[in-house]
Structure formats: C-alpha cells, structure tokens
Amino acid sequence: MGAAFGTSKRLDYNGYEYELSTMPGWAGSSWYWFRYMDANNDDALPLKEAIEYWKDVDLYIGGSEHATALLYSRFWNKFMRDIGLVDMEEPFKS
C-alpha cells in the first residue's frame, strides 16, 4: 500500500505500516505568508528588506478553525529564525 520516498517498497514494523503523512496540509502551508512578502524573488525566502517592510502581521481575518494554522505559522517562523533565514522572533503582533 502506498509508495514511500519514491519507492514502491512498503515501510512497516512488525506488520504495522508506517504513517508517512503525519502533518496536516495546512501545517505545511503555514509558511506561505513569507512568500507573499517577496513573491517575485526567486533567490531568497524573502529578502530582509521585504521582511522589515511587511513584518508584524497586525490583522488576521479567519475563523476559529484558523487558530491552529497560526500556531503552525509561529512554529515555522521560529524554525526559520533558528536556521538563519529570518531574524524576527514573533510573526504576529499581540
């Protein structure tokens, strides 16, 4: 059942198949707002000048179902900060 990492070999352990899709779709797309800051730039994600201009999201329109996506966005921001892609500590104003 299902290909894993481009192979047709099934990954399992003691007869139980590994679940390879453990992150919800909106979790993986929660970093996209960085691309809106500098959408035409093919060399960086995004330039520091674009971050300085657009940072600190101060208005978010979305229902309660979007709260989890905001948490994932915060996680991605902190991850990208830790690996040196962005400088900001928090992506949203409180």
PDB file of N, CA and C in Angstrom:
ATOM      1  N   MET A   1       0.836  -1.189   0.000  1.00  0.00           N
ATOM      2  CA  MET A   1       0.000   0.000   0.000  1.00  0.00           C
ATOM      3  C   MET A   1       0.879   1.251   0.000  1.00  0.00           C
ATOM      4  N   GLY A   2       0.725   2.130  -0.960  1.00  0.00           N
ATOM      5  CA  GLY A   2       1.395   3.425  -0.990  1.00  0.00           C
ATOM      6  C   GLY A   2       2.895   3.358  -1.187  1.00  0.00           C
ATOM      7  N   ALA A   3       3.397   4.278  -1.983  1.00  0.00           N
ATOM      8  CA  ALA A   3       4.838   4.367  -2.210  1.00  0.00           C
ATOM      9  C   ALA A   3       5.448   5.269  -1.154  1.00  0.00           C
ATOM     10  N   ALA A   4       6.658   4.954  -0.764  1.00  0.00           N
ATOM     11  CA  ALA A   4       7.340   5.755   0.245  1.00  0.00           C
ATOM     12  C   ALA A   4       8.645   6.287  -0.333  1.00  0.00           C
ATOM     13  N   PHE A   5       8.820   7.607  -0.292  1.00  0.00           N
ATOM     14  CA  PHE A   5      10.058   8.238  -0.728  1.00  0.00           C
ATOM     15  C   PHE A   5      10.464   7.811  -2.131  1.00  0.00           C
ATOM     16  N   GLY A   6       9.502   7.743  -3.035  1.00  0.00           N
ATOM     17  CA  GLY A   6       9.778   7.442  -4.421  1.00  0.00           C
ATOM     18  C   GLY A   6      10.040   5.974  -4.708  1.00  0.00           C
ATOM     19  N   THR A   7       9.787   5.121  -3.763  1.00  0.00           N
ATOM     20  CA  THR A   7       9.958   3.692  -3.999  1.00  0.00           C
ATOM     21  C   THR A   7       8.611   3.002  -3.868  1.00  0.00           C
ATOM     22  N   SER A   8       8.538   1.789  -4.339  1.00  0.00           N
ATOM     23  CA  SER A   8       7.303   1.027  -4.175  1.00  0.00           C
ATOM     24  C   SER A   8       7.390   0.111  -2.965  1.00  0.00           C
ATOM     25  N   LYS A   9       8.522   0.172  -2.255  1.00  0.00           N
ATOM     26  CA  LYS A   9       8.701  -0.664  -1.066  1.00  0.00           C
ATOM     27  C   LYS A   9       7.841  -0.136   0.075  1.00  0.00           C
ATOM     28  N   ARG A  10       7.119  -1.025   0.690  1.00  0.00           N
ATOM     29  CA  ARG A  10       6.260  -0.654   1.815  1.00  0.00           C
ATOM     30  C   ARG A  10       7.105  -0.622   3.088  1.00  0.00           C
ATOM     31  N   LEU A  11       6.985   0.436   3.857  1.00  0.00           N
ATOM     32  CA  LEU A  11       7.707   0.549   5.114  1.00  0.00           C
ATOM     33  C   LEU A  11       6.808   0.087   6.245  1.00  0.00           C
ATOM     34  N   ASP A  12       7.254  -0.921   6.978  1.00  0.00           N
ATOM     35  CA  ASP A  12       6.447  -1.361   8.107  1.00  0.00           C
ATOM     36  C   ASP A  12       7.332  -1.882   9.229  1.00  0.00           C
ATOM     37  N   TYR A  13       6.717  -2.049  10.368  1.00  0.00           N
ATOM     38  CA  TYR A  13       7.399  -2.533  11.551  1.00  0.00           C
ATOM     39  C   TYR A  13       6.475  -3.521  12.241  1.00  0.00           C
ATOM     40  N   ASN A  14       6.909  -4.748  12.342  1.00  0.00           N
ATOM     41  CA  ASN A  14       6.108  -5.802  12.963  1.00  0.00           C
ATOM     42  C   ASN A  14       4.705  -5.889  12.378  1.00  0.00           C
ATOM     43  N   GLY A  15       4.608  -5.711  11.070  1.00  0.00           N
ATOM     44  CA  GLY A  15       3.313  -5.841  10.414  1.00  0.00           C
ATOM     45  C   GLY A  15       2.475  -4.577  10.390  1.00  0.00           C
ATOM     46  N   TYR A  16       2.946  -3.502  11.013  1.00  0.00           N
ATOM     47  CA  TYR A  16       2.204  -2.235  11.030  1.00  0.00           C
ATOM     48  C   TYR A  16       2.866  -1.260  10.065  1.00  0.00           C
ATOM     49  N   GLU A  17       2.084  -0.738   9.145  1.00  0.00           N
ATOM     50  CA  GLU A  17       2.623   0.192   8.161  1.00  0.00           C
ATOM     51  C   GLU A  17       2.908   1.546   8.804  1.00  0.00           C
ATOM     52  N   TYR A  18       4.073   2.125   8.462  1.00  0.00           N
ATOM     53  CA  TYR A  18       4.409   3.462   8.936  1.00  0.00           C
ATOM     54  C   TYR A  18       3.477   4.480   8.297  1.00  0.00           C
ATOM     55  N   GLU A  19       3.033   5.423   9.073  1.00  0.00           N
ATOM     56  CA  GLU A  19       2.241   6.534   8.562  1.00  0.00           C
ATOM     57  C   GLU A  19       3.221   7.609   8.120  1.00  0.00           C
ATOM     58  N   LEU A  20       3.237   7.920   6.824  1.00  0.00           N
ATOM     59  CA  LEU A  20       4.204   8.874   6.280  1.00  0.00           C
ATOM     60  C   LEU A  20       3.633  10.269   6.117  1.00  0.00           C
ATOM     61  N   SER A  21       2.353  10.424   6.297  1.00  0.00           N
ATOM     62  CA  SER A  21       1.714  11.730   6.136  1.00  0.00           C
ATOM     63  C   SER A  21       1.112  12.139   7.471  1.00  0.00           C
ATOM     64  N   THR A  22       1.968  12.564   8.385  1.00  0.00           N
ATOM     65  CA  THR A  22       1.501  12.863   9.739  1.00  0.00           C
ATOM     66  C   THR A  22       1.226  14.345   9.976  1.00  0.00           C
ATOM     67  N   MET A  23       1.601  15.198   9.030  1.00  0.00           N
ATOM     68  CA  MET A  23       1.377  16.626   9.206  1.00  0.00           C
ATOM     69  C   MET A  23       0.221  17.067   8.326  1.00  0.00           C
ATOM     70  N   PRO A  24      -0.792  17.711   8.917  1.00  0.00           N
ATOM     71  CA  PRO A  24      -1.938  18.172   8.122  1.00  0.00           C
ATOM     72  C   PRO A  24      -1.501  19.137   7.019  1.00  0.00           C
ATOM     73  N   GLY A  25      -2.266  19.200   5.960  1.00  0.00           N
ATOM     74  CA  GLY A  25      -1.935  20.059   4.826  1.00  0.00           C
ATOM     75  C   GLY A  25      -1.741  21.508   5.200  1.00  0.00           C
ATOM     76  N   TRP A  26      -2.569  22.045   6.083  1.00  0.00           N
ATOM     77  CA  TRP A  26      -2.436  23.454   6.438  1.00  0.00           C
ATOM     78  C   TRP A  26      -1.195  23.709   7.275  1.00  0.00           C
ATOM     79  N   ALA A  27      -0.645  22.675   7.889  1.00  0.00           N
ATOM     80  CA  ALA A  27       0.596  22.863   8.651  1.00  0.00           C
ATOM     81  C   ALA A  27       1.754  23.106   7.697  1.00  0.00           C
ATOM     82  N   GLY A  28       1.789  22.361   6.630  1.00  0.00           N
ATOM     83  CA  GLY A  28       2.863  22.524   5.663  1.00  0.00           C
ATOM     84  C   GLY A  28       2.769  23.809   4.870  1.00  0.00           C
ATOM     85  N   SER A  29       1.580  24.379   4.782  1.00  0.00           N
ATOM     86  CA  SER A  29       1.413  25.613   4.015  1.00  0.00           C
ATOM     87  C   SER A  29       1.417  26.855   4.901  1.00  0.00           C
ATOM     88  N   SER A  30       1.703  26.700   6.181  1.00  0.00           N
ATOM     89  CA  SER A  30       1.635  27.834   7.107  1.00  0.00           C
ATOM     90  C   SER A  30       2.819  28.777   7.006  1.00  0.00           C
ATOM     91  N   TRP A  31       3.799  28.489   6.183  1.00  0.00           N
ATOM     92  CA  TRP A  31       4.937  29.387   5.987  1.00  0.00           C
ATOM     93  C   TRP A  31       4.721  30.287   4.772  1.00  0.00           C
ATOM     94  N   TYR A  32       3.636  30.057   4.021  1.00  0.00           N
ATOM     95  CA  TYR A  32       3.437  30.727   2.730  1.00  0.00           C
ATOM     96  C   TYR A  32       3.413  32.247   2.839  1.00  0.00           C
ATOM     97  N   TRP A  33       3.027  32.763   3.996  1.00  0.00           N
ATOM     98  CA  TRP A  33       2.918  34.214   4.105  1.00  0.00           C
ATOM     99  C   TRP A  33       4.277  34.892   3.912  1.00  0.00           C
ATOM    100  N   PHE A  34       5.371  34.180   4.159  1.00  0.00           N
ATOM    101  CA  PHE A  34       6.688  34.740   3.861  1.00  0.00           C
ATOM    102  C   PHE A  34       6.850  34.982   2.365  1.00  0.00           C
ATOM    103  N   ARG A  35       6.277  34.120   1.540  1.00  0.00           N
ATOM    104  CA  ARG A  35       6.395  34.303   0.088  1.00  0.00           C
ATOM    105  C   ARG A  35       5.585  35.505  -0.386  1.00  0.00           C
ATOM    106  N   TYR A  36       4.486  35.818   0.269  1.00  0.00           N
ATOM    107  CA  TYR A  36       3.715  37.000  -0.108  1.00  0.00           C
ATOM    108  C   TYR A  36       4.510  38.275   0.120  1.00  0.00           C
ATOM    109  N   MET A  37       5.445  38.248   1.060  1.00  0.00           N
ATOM    110  CA  MET A  37       6.259  39.426   1.330  1.00  0.00           C
ATOM    111  C   MET A  37       7.172  39.764   0.160  1.00  0.00           C
ATOM    112  N   ASP A  38       7.573  38.758  -0.604  1.00  0.00           N
ATOM    113  CA  ASP A  38       8.569  38.948  -1.656  1.00  0.00           C
ATOM    114  C   ASP A  38       8.337  37.906  -2.761  1.00  0.00           C
ATOM    115  N   ALA A  39       7.138  37.906  -3.312  1.00  0.00           N
ATOM    116  CA  ALA A  39       6.677  36.835  -4.206  1.00  0.00           C
ATOM    117  C   ALA A  39       7.474  36.702  -5.498  1.00  0.00           C
ATOM    118  N   ASN A  40       8.074  37.768  -5.979  1.00  0.00           N
ATOM    119  CA  ASN A  40       8.797  37.703  -7.252  1.00  0.00           C
ATOM    120  C   ASN A  40      10.283  37.418  -7.099  1.00  0.00           C
ATOM    121  N   ASN A  41      10.710  37.177  -5.887  1.00  0.00           N
ATOM    122  CA  ASN A  41      12.119  36.909  -5.619  1.00  0.00           C
ATOM    123  C   ASN A  41      12.356  35.401  -5.700  1.00  0.00           C
ATOM    124  N   ASP A  42      13.184  34.973  -6.634  1.00  0.00           N
ATOM    125  CA  ASP A  42      13.493  33.554  -6.796  1.00  0.00           C
ATOM    126  C   ASP A  42      14.774  33.138  -6.074  1.00  0.00           C
ATOM    127  N   ASP A  43      15.435  34.084  -5.404  1.00  0.00           N
ATOM    128  CA  ASP A  43      16.730  33.795  -4.797  1.00  0.00           C
ATOM    129  C   ASP A  43      16.719  33.684  -3.279  1.00  0.00           C
ATOM    130  N   ALA A  44      15.661  34.167  -2.634  1.00  0.00           N
ATOM    131  CA  ALA A  44      15.618  34.141  -1.171  1.00  0.00           C
ATOM    132  C   ALA A  44      14.178  34.002  -0.711  1.00  0.00           C
ATOM    133  N   LEU A  45      14.024  33.666   0.520  1.00  0.00           N
ATOM    134  CA  LEU A  45      12.695  33.466   1.106  1.00  0.00           C
ATOM    135  C   LEU A  45      12.531  34.309   2.340  1.00  0.00           C
ATOM    136  N   PRO A  46      12.068  35.460   2.280  1.00  0.00           N
ATOM    137  CA  PRO A  46      12.242  36.550   1.328  1.00  0.00           C
ATOM    138  C   PRO A  46      13.454  37.382   1.718  1.00  0.00           C
ATOM    139  N   LEU A  47      13.686  38.477   0.993  1.00  0.00           N
ATOM    140  CA  LEU A  47      14.791  39.372   1.337  1.00  0.00           C
ATOM    141  C   LEU A  47      14.511  40.053   2.667  1.00  0.00           C
ATOM    142  N   LYS A  48      15.571  40.358   3.402  1.00  0.00           N
ATOM    143  CA  LYS A  48      15.425  41.001   4.711  1.00  0.00           C
ATOM    144  C   LYS A  48      14.702  42.347   4.610  1.00  0.00           C
ATOM    145  N   GLU A  49      14.907  43.062   3.502  1.00  0.00           N
ATOM    146  CA  GLU A  49      14.222  44.347   3.327  1.00  0.00           C
ATOM    147  C   GLU A  49      12.703  44.150   3.235  1.00  0.00           C
ATOM    148  N   ALA A  50      12.284  43.094   2.571  1.00  0.00           N
ATOM    149  CA  ALA A  50      10.853  42.806   2.462  1.00  0.00           C
ATOM    150  C   ALA A  50      10.278  42.427   3.819  1.00  0.00           C
ATOM    151  N   ILE A  51      11.024  41.656   4.592  1.00  0.00           N
ATOM    152  CA  ILE A  51      10.562  41.288   5.933  1.00  0.00           C
ATOM    153  C   ILE A  51      10.412  42.534   6.794  1.00  0.00           C
ATOM    154  N   GLU A  52      11.406  43.433   6.743  1.00  0.00           N
ATOM    155  CA  GLU A  52      11.334  44.669   7.536  1.00  0.00           C
ATOM    156  C   GLU A  52      10.089  45.481   7.192  1.00  0.00           C
ATOM    157  N   TYR A  53       9.746  45.525   5.915  1.00  0.00           N
ATOM    158  CA  TYR A  53       8.593  46.304   5.476  1.00  0.00           C
ATOM    159  C   TYR A  53       7.278  45.644   5.879  1.00  0.00           C
ATOM    160  N   TRP A  54       7.156  44.327   5.703  1.00  0.00           N
ATOM    161  CA  TRP A  54       5.884  43.628   5.877  1.00  0.00           C
ATOM    162  C   TRP A  54       5.714  42.928   7.214  1.00  0.00           C
ATOM    163  N   LYS A  55       6.744  42.856   8.043  1.00  0.00           N
ATOM    164  CA  LYS A  55       6.671  42.039   9.257  1.00  0.00           C
ATOM    165  C   LYS A  55       5.613  42.527  10.242  1.00  0.00           C
ATOM    166  N   ASP A  56       5.422  41.731  11.270  1.00  0.00           N
ATOM    167  CA  ASP A  56       4.461  42.025  12.335  1.00  0.00           C
ATOM    168  C   ASP A  56       3.030  42.100  11.815  1.00  0.00           C
ATOM    169  N   VAL A  57       2.532  40.986  11.369  1.00  0.00           N
ATOM    170  CA  VAL A  57       1.134  40.913  10.940  1.00  0.00           C
ATOM    171  C   VAL A  57       0.274  41.435  12.084  1.00  0.00           C
ATOM    172  N   ASP A  58      -0.546  42.443  11.801  1.00  0.00           N
ATOM    173  CA  ASP A  58      -1.355  43.039  12.870  1.00  0.00           C
ATOM    174  C   ASP A  58      -2.853  42.808  12.705  1.00  0.00           C
ATOM    175  N   LEU A  59      -3.261  42.185  11.613  1.00  0.00           N
ATOM    176  CA  LEU A  59      -4.674  41.875  11.409  1.00  0.00           C
ATOM    177  C   LEU A  59      -4.783  40.540  10.701  1.00  0.00           C
ATOM    178  N   TYR A  60      -5.559  39.661  11.264  1.00  0.00           N
ATOM    179  CA  TYR A  60      -5.773  38.356  10.657  1.00  0.00           C
ATOM    180  C   TYR A  60      -7.271  38.110  10.614  1.00  0.00           C
ATOM    181  N   ILE A  61      -7.790  37.872   9.437  1.00  0.00           N
ATOM    182  CA  ILE A  61      -9.216  37.597   9.269  1.00  0.00           C
ATOM    183  C   ILE A  61      -9.370  36.100   9.032  1.00  0.00           C
ATOM    184  N   GLY A  62     -10.015  35.429   9.932  1.00  0.00           N
ATOM    185  CA  GLY A  62     -10.221  33.990   9.799  1.00  0.00           C
ATOM    186  C   GLY A  62     -11.018  33.479  10.976  1.00  0.00           C
ATOM    187  N   GLY A  63     -11.684  32.393  10.780  1.00  0.00           N
ATOM    188  CA  GLY A  63     -12.483  31.802  11.845  1.00  0.00           C
ATOM    189  C   GLY A  63     -11.623  31.043  12.843  1.00  0.00           C
ATOM    190  N   SER A  64     -12.288  30.474  13.828  1.00  0.00           N
ATOM    191  CA  SER A  64     -11.573  29.755  14.878  1.00  0.00           C
ATOM    192  C   SER A  64     -10.806  28.564  14.329  1.00  0.00           C
ATOM    193  N   GLU A  65     -11.260  28.021  13.198  1.00  0.00           N
ATOM    194  CA  GLU A  65     -10.557  26.886  12.599  1.00  0.00           C
ATOM    195  C   GLU A  65      -9.165  27.269  12.097  1.00  0.00           C
ATOM    196  N   HIS A  66      -8.884  28.553  12.006  1.00  0.00           N
ATOM    197  CA  HIS A  66      -7.576  29.021  11.544  1.00  0.00           C
ATOM    198  C   HIS A  66      -6.582  29.205  12.682  1.00  0.00           C
ATOM    199  N   ALA A  67      -7.039  29.079  13.913  1.00  0.00           N
ATOM    200  CA  ALA A  67      -6.145  29.278  15.061  1.00  0.00           C
ATOM    201  C   ALA A  67      -4.978  28.299  15.031  1.00  0.00           C
ATOM    202  N   THR A  68      -5.227  27.066  14.648  1.00  0.00           N
ATOM    203  CA  THR A  68      -4.151  26.079  14.589  1.00  0.00           C
ATOM    204  C   THR A  68      -3.142  26.458  13.515  1.00  0.00           C
ATOM    205  N   ALA A  69      -3.619  26.982  12.393  1.00  0.00           N
ATOM    206  CA  ALA A  69      -2.705  27.414  11.334  1.00  0.00           C
ATOM    207  C   ALA A  69      -1.798  28.531  11.834  1.00  0.00           C
ATOM    208  N   LEU A  70      -2.319  29.414  12.674  1.00  0.00           N
ATOM    209  CA  LEU A  70      -1.489  30.479  13.237  1.00  0.00           C
ATOM    210  C   LEU A  70      -0.403  29.901  14.142  1.00  0.00           C
ATOM    211  N   LEU A  71      -0.747  28.853  14.894  1.00  0.00           N
ATOM    212  CA  LEU A  71       0.260  28.200  15.732  1.00  0.00           C
ATOM    213  C   LEU A  71       1.360  27.584  14.877  1.00  0.00           C
ATOM    214  N   TYR A  72       0.960  26.932  13.785  1.00  0.00           N
ATOM    215  CA  TYR A  72       1.957  26.364  12.887  1.00  0.00           C
ATOM    216  C   TYR A  72       2.797  27.470  12.236  1.00  0.00           C
ATOM    217  N   SER A  73       2.186  28.596  11.899  1.00  0.00           N
ATOM    218  CA  SER A  73       2.951  29.715  11.327  1.00  0.00           C
ATOM    219  C   SER A  73       4.005  30.188  12.312  1.00  0.00           C
ATOM    220  N   ARG A  74       3.637  30.240  13.579  1.00  0.00           N
ATOM    221  CA  ARG A  74       4.591  30.638  14.611  1.00  0.00           C
ATOM    222  C   ARG A  74       5.735  29.629  14.698  1.00  0.00           C
ATOM    223  N   PHE A  75       5.404  28.337  14.641  1.00  0.00           N
ATOM    224  CA  PHE A  75       6.427  27.295  14.651  1.00  0.00           C
ATOM    225  C   PHE A  75       7.381  27.472  13.475  1.00  0.00           C
ATOM    226  N   TRP A  76       6.847  27.649  12.251  1.00  0.00           N
ATOM    227  CA  TRP A  76       7.697  27.813  11.067  1.00  0.00           C
ATOM    228  C   TRP A  76       8.578  29.045  11.209  1.00  0.00           C
ATOM    229  N   ASN A  77       8.019  30.133  11.741  1.00  0.00           N
ATOM    230  CA  ASN A  77       8.803  31.353  11.932  1.00  0.00           C
ATOM    231  C   ASN A  77       9.988  31.076  12.855  1.00  0.00           C
ATOM    232  N   LYS A  78       9.736  30.409  13.967  1.00  0.00           N
ATOM    233  CA  LYS A  78      10.814  30.130  14.918  1.00  0.00           C
ATOM    234  C   LYS A  78      11.841  29.175  14.325  1.00  0.00           C
ATOM    235  N   PHE A  79      11.388  28.187  13.553  1.00  0.00           N
ATOM    236  CA  PHE A  79      12.316  27.272  12.885  1.00  0.00           C
ATOM    237  C   PHE A  79      13.193  28.031  11.892  1.00  0.00           C
ATOM    238  N   MET A  80      12.580  28.869  11.062  1.00  0.00           N
ATOM    239  CA  MET A  80      13.350  29.620  10.073  1.00  0.00           C
ATOM    240  C   MET A  80      14.290  30.617  10.745  1.00  0.00           C
ATOM    241  N   ARG A  81      13.895  31.155  11.905  1.00  0.00           N
ATOM    242  CA  ARG A  81      14.793  32.017  12.666  1.00  0.00           C
ATOM    243  C   ARG A  81      15.994  31.219  13.172  1.00  0.00           C
ATOM    244  N   ASP A  82      15.731  30.010  13.693  1.00  0.00           N
ATOM    245  CA  ASP A  82      16.807  29.186  14.239  1.00  0.00           C
ATOM    246  C   ASP A  82      17.827  28.774  13.183  1.00  0.00           C
ATOM    247  N   ILE A  83      17.404  28.608  11.933  1.00  0.00           N
ATOM    248  CA  ILE A  83      18.357  28.216  10.885  1.00  0.00           C
ATOM    249  C   ILE A  83      18.874  29.423  10.103  1.00  0.00           C
ATOM    250  N   GLY A  84      18.509  30.637  10.547  1.00  0.00           N
ATOM    251  CA  GLY A  84      19.087  31.850   9.993  1.00  0.00           C
ATOM    252  C   GLY A  84      18.405  32.442   8.774  1.00  0.00           C
ATOM    253  N   LEU A  85      17.205  31.982   8.421  1.00  0.00           N
ATOM    254  CA  LEU A  85      16.515  32.540   7.249  1.00  0.00           C
ATOM    255  C   LEU A  85      15.804  33.848   7.558  1.00  0.00           C
ATOM    256  N   VAL A  86      15.350  34.026   8.787  1.00  0.00           N
ATOM    257  CA  VAL A  86      14.664  35.252   9.191  1.00  0.00           C
ATOM    258  C   VAL A  86      15.212  35.692  10.545  1.00  0.00           C
ATOM    259  N   ASP A  87      15.019  36.963  10.880  1.00  0.00           N
ATOM    260  CA  ASP A  87      15.521  37.494  12.143  1.00  0.00           C
ATOM    261  C   ASP A  87      14.441  37.696  13.194  1.00  0.00           C
ATOM    262  N   MET A  88      13.199  37.770  12.794  1.00  0.00           N
ATOM    263  CA  MET A  88      12.156  38.151  13.746  1.00  0.00           C
ATOM    264  C   MET A  88      11.788  37.016  14.691  1.00  0.00           C
ATOM    265  N   GLU A  89      11.553  37.392  15.933  1.00  0.00           N
ATOM    266  CA  GLU A  89      11.214  36.437  16.985  1.00  0.00           C
ATOM    267  C   GLU A  89       9.781  35.936  16.855  1.00  0.00           C
ATOM    268  N   GLU A  90       8.850  36.838  16.648  1.00  0.00           N
ATOM    269  CA  GLU A  90       7.429  36.505  16.552  1.00  0.00           C
ATOM    270  C   GLU A  90       6.858  37.063  15.257  1.00  0.00           C
ATOM    271  N   PRO A  91       6.017  36.277  14.561  1.00  0.00           N
ATOM    272  CA  PRO A  91       5.476  36.750  13.281  1.00  0.00           C
ATOM    273  C   PRO A  91       4.267  37.660  13.412  1.00  0.00           C
ATOM    274  N   PHE A  92       3.584  37.633  14.557  1.00  0.00           N
ATOM    275  CA  PHE A  92       2.322  38.373  14.701  1.00  0.00           C
ATOM    276  C   PHE A  92       2.393  39.314  15.890  1.00  0.00           C
ATOM    277  N   LYS A  93       1.753  40.463  15.746  1.00  0.00           N
ATOM    278  CA  LYS A  93       1.640  41.382  16.871  1.00  0.00           C
ATOM    279  C   LYS A  93       0.620  40.818  17.837  1.00  0.00           C
ATOM    280  N   SER A  94       0.835  41.086  19.113  1.00  0.00           N
ATOM    281  CA  SER A  94      -0.143  40.613  20.103  1.00  0.00           C
ATOM    282  C   SER A  94      -1.032  41.731  20.566  1.00  0.00           C
TER     283      SER A  94
END
